[in-house]
Amino acid sequence: MHQLSELMTWAAPRYRRIAKTHMTFEESWQGDQTVVYCRGLLNGEWPDGREFSGIRFVDRFEVCKGQLMRQEVWNDLAELRAKR
């Protein structure tokens, strides 16, 4: 995805709202590139209005010369969604 509108379209059938509780941040540097890992828990609301919480996530960001070059996201949202 390259635009916020693409993310919003992709997320619409998955959840009504989502928020993050950040627990840790880790950074590493090599030359002009920085890699940042962010870990924590997700909470929010499914499309049917039921709430969820305590879902693990990890985000990885690559930043080069002040610009976000890449973002990767991992979480347990799909596993929990499959069980409901």
N, C-alpha and C. Protein backbone atom coordinates (compact mmCIF):
# COMPACT_ATOMS: atom_id res chain seq x y z
N MET A 1 0.84 -1.17 0.00
CA MET A 1 0.00 0.00 0.00
C MET A 1 0.90 1.24 0.00
N HIS A 2 0.46 2.23 -0.74
CA HIS A 2 1.26 3.44 -0.85
C HIS A 2 0.50 4.70 -0.42
N GLN A 3 -0.81 4.59 -0.24
CA GLN A 3 -1.64 5.73 0.14
C GLN A 3 -2.49 5.34 1.36
N LEU A 4 -2.79 6.32 2.20
CA LEU A 4 -3.63 6.07 3.37
C LEU A 4 -5.00 5.53 2.95
N SER A 5 -5.53 6.01 1.84
CA SER A 5 -6.84 5.55 1.37
C SER A 5 -6.84 4.05 1.07
N GLU A 6 -5.71 3.52 0.60
CA GLU A 6 -5.60 2.08 0.35
C GLU A 6 -5.70 1.30 1.65
N LEU A 7 -5.05 1.79 2.68
CA LEU A 7 -5.11 1.14 3.99
C LEU A 7 -6.52 1.17 4.54
N MET A 8 -7.19 2.29 4.43
CA MET A 8 -8.56 2.43 4.94
C MET A 8 -9.51 1.46 4.22
N THR A 9 -9.40 1.32 2.92
CA THR A 9 -10.23 0.39 2.16
C THR A 9 -9.96 -1.05 2.58
N TRP A 10 -8.69 -1.39 2.76
CA TRP A 10 -8.30 -2.74 3.17
C TRP A 10 -8.83 -3.06 4.57
N ALA A 11 -8.78 -2.08 5.49
CA ALA A 11 -9.14 -2.32 6.89
C ALA A 11 -10.65 -2.32 7.13
N ALA A 12 -11.43 -1.66 6.29
CA ALA A 12 -12.87 -1.48 6.55
C ALA A 12 -13.62 -2.77 6.88
N PRO A 13 -13.45 -3.87 6.17
CA PRO A 13 -14.19 -5.08 6.53
C PRO A 13 -13.58 -5.86 7.70
N ARG A 14 -12.41 -5.45 8.16
CA ARG A 14 -11.70 -6.19 9.21
C ARG A 14 -12.03 -5.70 10.61
N TYR A 15 -12.13 -4.39 10.81
CA TYR A 15 -12.45 -3.85 12.12
C TYR A 15 -13.02 -2.44 11.98
N ARG A 16 -13.82 -2.05 12.97
CA ARG A 16 -14.45 -0.73 12.99
C ARG A 16 -13.48 0.33 13.51
N ARG A 17 -12.73 -0.05 14.54
CA ARG A 17 -11.70 0.85 15.07
C ARG A 17 -10.60 0.00 15.70
N ILE A 18 -9.42 0.59 15.78
CA ILE A 18 -8.28 -0.12 16.37
C ILE A 18 -7.34 0.91 17.00
N ALA A 19 -6.71 0.52 18.10
CA ALA A 19 -5.75 1.38 18.79
C ALA A 19 -4.61 0.51 19.30
N LYS A 20 -3.49 1.15 19.57
CA LYS A 20 -2.30 0.44 20.03
C LYS A 20 -1.89 0.93 21.41
N THR A 21 -1.48 -0.02 22.25
CA THR A 21 -0.79 0.29 23.48
C THR A 21 0.67 -0.10 23.25
N HIS A 22 1.54 0.90 23.20
CA HIS A 22 2.95 0.64 22.92
C HIS A 22 3.65 0.21 24.21
N MET A 23 4.44 -0.85 24.09
CA MET A 23 5.13 -1.37 25.27
C MET A 23 6.65 -1.17 25.16
N THR A 24 7.24 -1.41 23.99
CA THR A 24 8.68 -1.22 23.83
C THR A 24 8.99 -0.67 22.45
N PHE A 25 10.10 0.05 22.38
CA PHE A 25 10.68 0.52 21.13
C PHE A 25 12.16 0.15 21.14
N GLU A 26 12.65 -0.32 20.00
CA GLU A 26 14.07 -0.63 19.87
C GLU A 26 14.55 -0.03 18.56
N GLU A 27 15.75 0.55 18.58
CA GLU A 27 16.32 1.15 17.38
C GLU A 27 17.69 0.56 17.12
N SER A 28 18.04 0.47 15.84
CA SER A 28 19.40 0.14 15.46
C SER A 28 19.78 1.01 14.27
N TRP A 29 21.06 1.33 14.18
CA TRP A 29 21.53 2.22 13.14
C TRP A 29 22.65 1.56 12.37
N GLN A 30 22.67 1.85 11.07
CA GLN A 30 23.78 1.44 10.22
C GLN A 30 23.90 2.48 9.12
N GLY A 31 24.94 3.25 9.16
CA GLY A 31 25.09 4.32 8.19
C GLY A 31 23.97 5.33 8.33
N ASP A 32 23.29 5.62 7.23
CA ASP A 32 22.19 6.59 7.28
C ASP A 32 20.83 5.90 7.40
N GLN A 33 20.81 4.62 7.74
CA GLN A 33 19.55 3.88 7.89
C GLN A 33 19.31 3.53 9.35
N THR A 34 18.07 3.72 9.78
CA THR A 34 17.65 3.35 11.13
C THR A 34 16.51 2.34 11.01
N VAL A 35 16.57 1.29 11.81
CA VAL A 35 15.48 0.32 11.89
C VAL A 35 14.89 0.43 13.29
N VAL A 36 13.57 0.57 13.34
CA VAL A 36 12.86 0.70 14.61
C VAL A 36 11.84 -0.43 14.73
N TYR A 37 11.85 -1.12 15.86
CA TYR A 37 10.83 -2.11 16.19
C TYR A 37 9.97 -1.55 17.31
N CYS A 38 8.68 -1.70 17.16
CA CYS A 38 7.72 -1.26 18.16
C CYS A 38 6.84 -2.46 18.50
N ARG A 39 6.72 -2.77 19.80
CA ARG A 39 5.89 -3.90 20.22
C ARG A 39 4.84 -3.44 21.22
N GLY A 40 3.70 -4.14 21.20
CA GLY A 40 2.66 -3.80 22.15
C GLY A 40 1.41 -4.62 21.95
N LEU A 41 0.27 -4.04 22.33
CA LEU A 41 -1.02 -4.73 22.26
C LEU A 41 -2.04 -3.88 21.50
N LEU A 42 -2.89 -4.56 20.74
CA LEU A 42 -3.98 -3.92 20.00
C LEU A 42 -5.28 -4.06 20.78
N ASN A 43 -6.14 -3.06 20.66
CA ASN A 43 -7.51 -3.16 21.15
C ASN A 43 -8.39 -2.42 20.17
N GLY A 44 -9.66 -2.77 20.13
CA GLY A 44 -10.56 -2.12 19.20
C GLY A 44 -11.92 -2.75 19.16
N GLU A 45 -12.54 -2.66 17.98
CA GLU A 45 -13.91 -3.12 17.81
C GLU A 45 -14.05 -3.80 16.45
N TRP A 46 -14.63 -5.00 16.46
CA TRP A 46 -14.92 -5.72 15.22
C TRP A 46 -16.02 -4.99 14.45
N PRO A 47 -16.22 -5.30 13.18
CA PRO A 47 -17.28 -4.64 12.40
C PRO A 47 -18.68 -4.80 13.00
N ASP A 48 -18.91 -5.90 13.76
CA ASP A 48 -20.24 -6.12 14.36
C ASP A 48 -20.42 -5.40 15.69
N GLY A 49 -19.41 -4.64 16.14
CA GLY A 49 -19.53 -3.88 17.36
C GLY A 49 -18.92 -4.52 18.60
N ARG A 50 -18.57 -5.80 18.53
CA ARG A 50 -17.93 -6.45 19.68
C ARG A 50 -16.50 -5.94 19.84
N GLU A 51 -16.09 -5.79 21.10
CA GLU A 51 -14.75 -5.28 21.37
C GLU A 51 -13.73 -6.40 21.48
N PHE A 52 -12.47 -6.07 21.21
CA PHE A 52 -11.36 -7.00 21.42
C PHE A 52 -10.23 -6.22 22.08
N SER A 53 -9.33 -6.97 22.73
CA SER A 53 -8.17 -6.34 23.38
C SER A 53 -7.09 -7.38 23.61
N GLY A 54 -5.89 -6.91 23.93
CA GLY A 54 -4.79 -7.80 24.29
C GLY A 54 -4.18 -8.56 23.13
N ILE A 55 -4.30 -8.06 21.92
CA ILE A 55 -3.74 -8.75 20.75
C ILE A 55 -2.31 -8.24 20.51
N ARG A 56 -1.36 -9.16 20.46
CA ARG A 56 0.04 -8.79 20.29
C ARG A 56 0.30 -8.21 18.89
N PHE A 57 1.22 -7.24 18.84
CA PHE A 57 1.67 -6.73 17.54
C PHE A 57 3.15 -6.37 17.61
N VAL A 58 3.79 -6.41 16.43
CA VAL A 58 5.15 -5.90 16.23
C VAL A 58 5.13 -5.11 14.93
N ASP A 59 5.62 -3.89 14.96
CA ASP A 59 5.80 -3.08 13.76
C ASP A 59 7.29 -2.87 13.56
N ARG A 60 7.73 -2.93 12.30
CA ARG A 60 9.13 -2.68 11.96
C ARG A 60 9.17 -1.56 10.92
N PHE A 61 9.98 -0.55 11.20
CA PHE A 61 10.11 0.59 10.31
C PHE A 61 11.56 0.73 9.86
N GLU A 62 11.76 1.01 8.57
CA GLU A 62 13.08 1.36 8.06
C GLU A 62 13.03 2.83 7.65
N VAL A 63 13.94 3.61 8.21
CA VAL A 63 14.00 5.05 7.93
C VAL A 63 15.39 5.35 7.36
N CYS A 64 15.40 6.08 6.26
CA CYS A 64 16.66 6.46 5.63
C CYS A 64 16.61 7.94 5.29
N LYS A 65 17.59 8.67 5.81
CA LYS A 65 17.67 10.12 5.57
C LYS A 65 16.37 10.82 5.91
N GLY A 66 15.74 10.41 7.01
CA GLY A 66 14.53 11.06 7.48
C GLY A 66 13.24 10.65 6.79
N GLN A 67 13.30 9.69 5.88
CA GLN A 67 12.10 9.25 5.18
C GLN A 67 11.80 7.79 5.51
N LEU A 68 10.52 7.51 5.71
CA LEU A 68 10.08 6.14 5.94
C LEU A 68 10.18 5.38 4.63
N MET A 69 11.01 4.35 4.60
CA MET A 69 11.23 3.58 3.37
C MET A 69 10.41 2.29 3.34
N ARG A 70 10.15 1.73 4.52
CA ARG A 70 9.45 0.45 4.56
C ARG A 70 8.81 0.28 5.93
N GLN A 71 7.63 -0.33 5.95
CA GLN A 71 6.97 -0.68 7.21
C GLN A 71 6.45 -2.10 7.07
N GLU A 72 6.70 -2.90 8.08
CA GLU A 72 6.17 -4.26 8.14
C GLU A 72 5.38 -4.39 9.44
N VAL A 73 4.30 -5.14 9.39
CA VAL A 73 3.39 -5.26 10.54
C VAL A 73 3.09 -6.74 10.76
N TRP A 74 3.22 -7.16 12.01
CA TRP A 74 2.83 -8.51 12.40
C TRP A 74 1.91 -8.41 13.61
N ASN A 75 0.85 -9.22 13.63
CA ASN A 75 -0.01 -9.28 14.81
C ASN A 75 -0.84 -10.56 14.79
N ASP A 76 -1.54 -10.80 15.88
CA ASP A 76 -2.37 -12.00 16.03
C ASP A 76 -3.84 -11.72 15.72
N LEU A 77 -4.14 -10.61 15.06
CA LEU A 77 -5.52 -10.22 14.79
C LEU A 77 -6.26 -11.28 13.95
N ALA A 78 -5.62 -11.80 12.91
CA ALA A 78 -6.28 -12.78 12.03
C ALA A 78 -6.62 -14.06 12.79
N GLU A 79 -5.72 -14.50 13.68
CA GLU A 79 -5.99 -15.71 14.44
C GLU A 79 -7.19 -15.53 15.36
N LEU A 80 -7.28 -14.39 16.01
CA LEU A 80 -8.40 -14.13 16.89
C LEU A 80 -9.70 -13.98 16.09
N ARG A 81 -9.60 -13.31 14.96
CA ARG A 81 -10.79 -13.11 14.11
C ARG A 81 -11.32 -14.45 13.62
N ALA A 82 -10.45 -15.39 13.27
CA ALA A 82 -10.87 -16.71 12.81
C ALA A 82 -11.60 -17.49 13.90
N LYS A 83 -11.25 -17.26 15.16
CA LYS A 83 -11.86 -17.97 16.28
C LYS A 83 -13.24 -17.43 16.66
N ARG A 84 -13.53 -16.18 16.29
CA ARG A 84 -14.81 -15.60 16.71
C ARG A 84 -15.88 -16.08 15.82
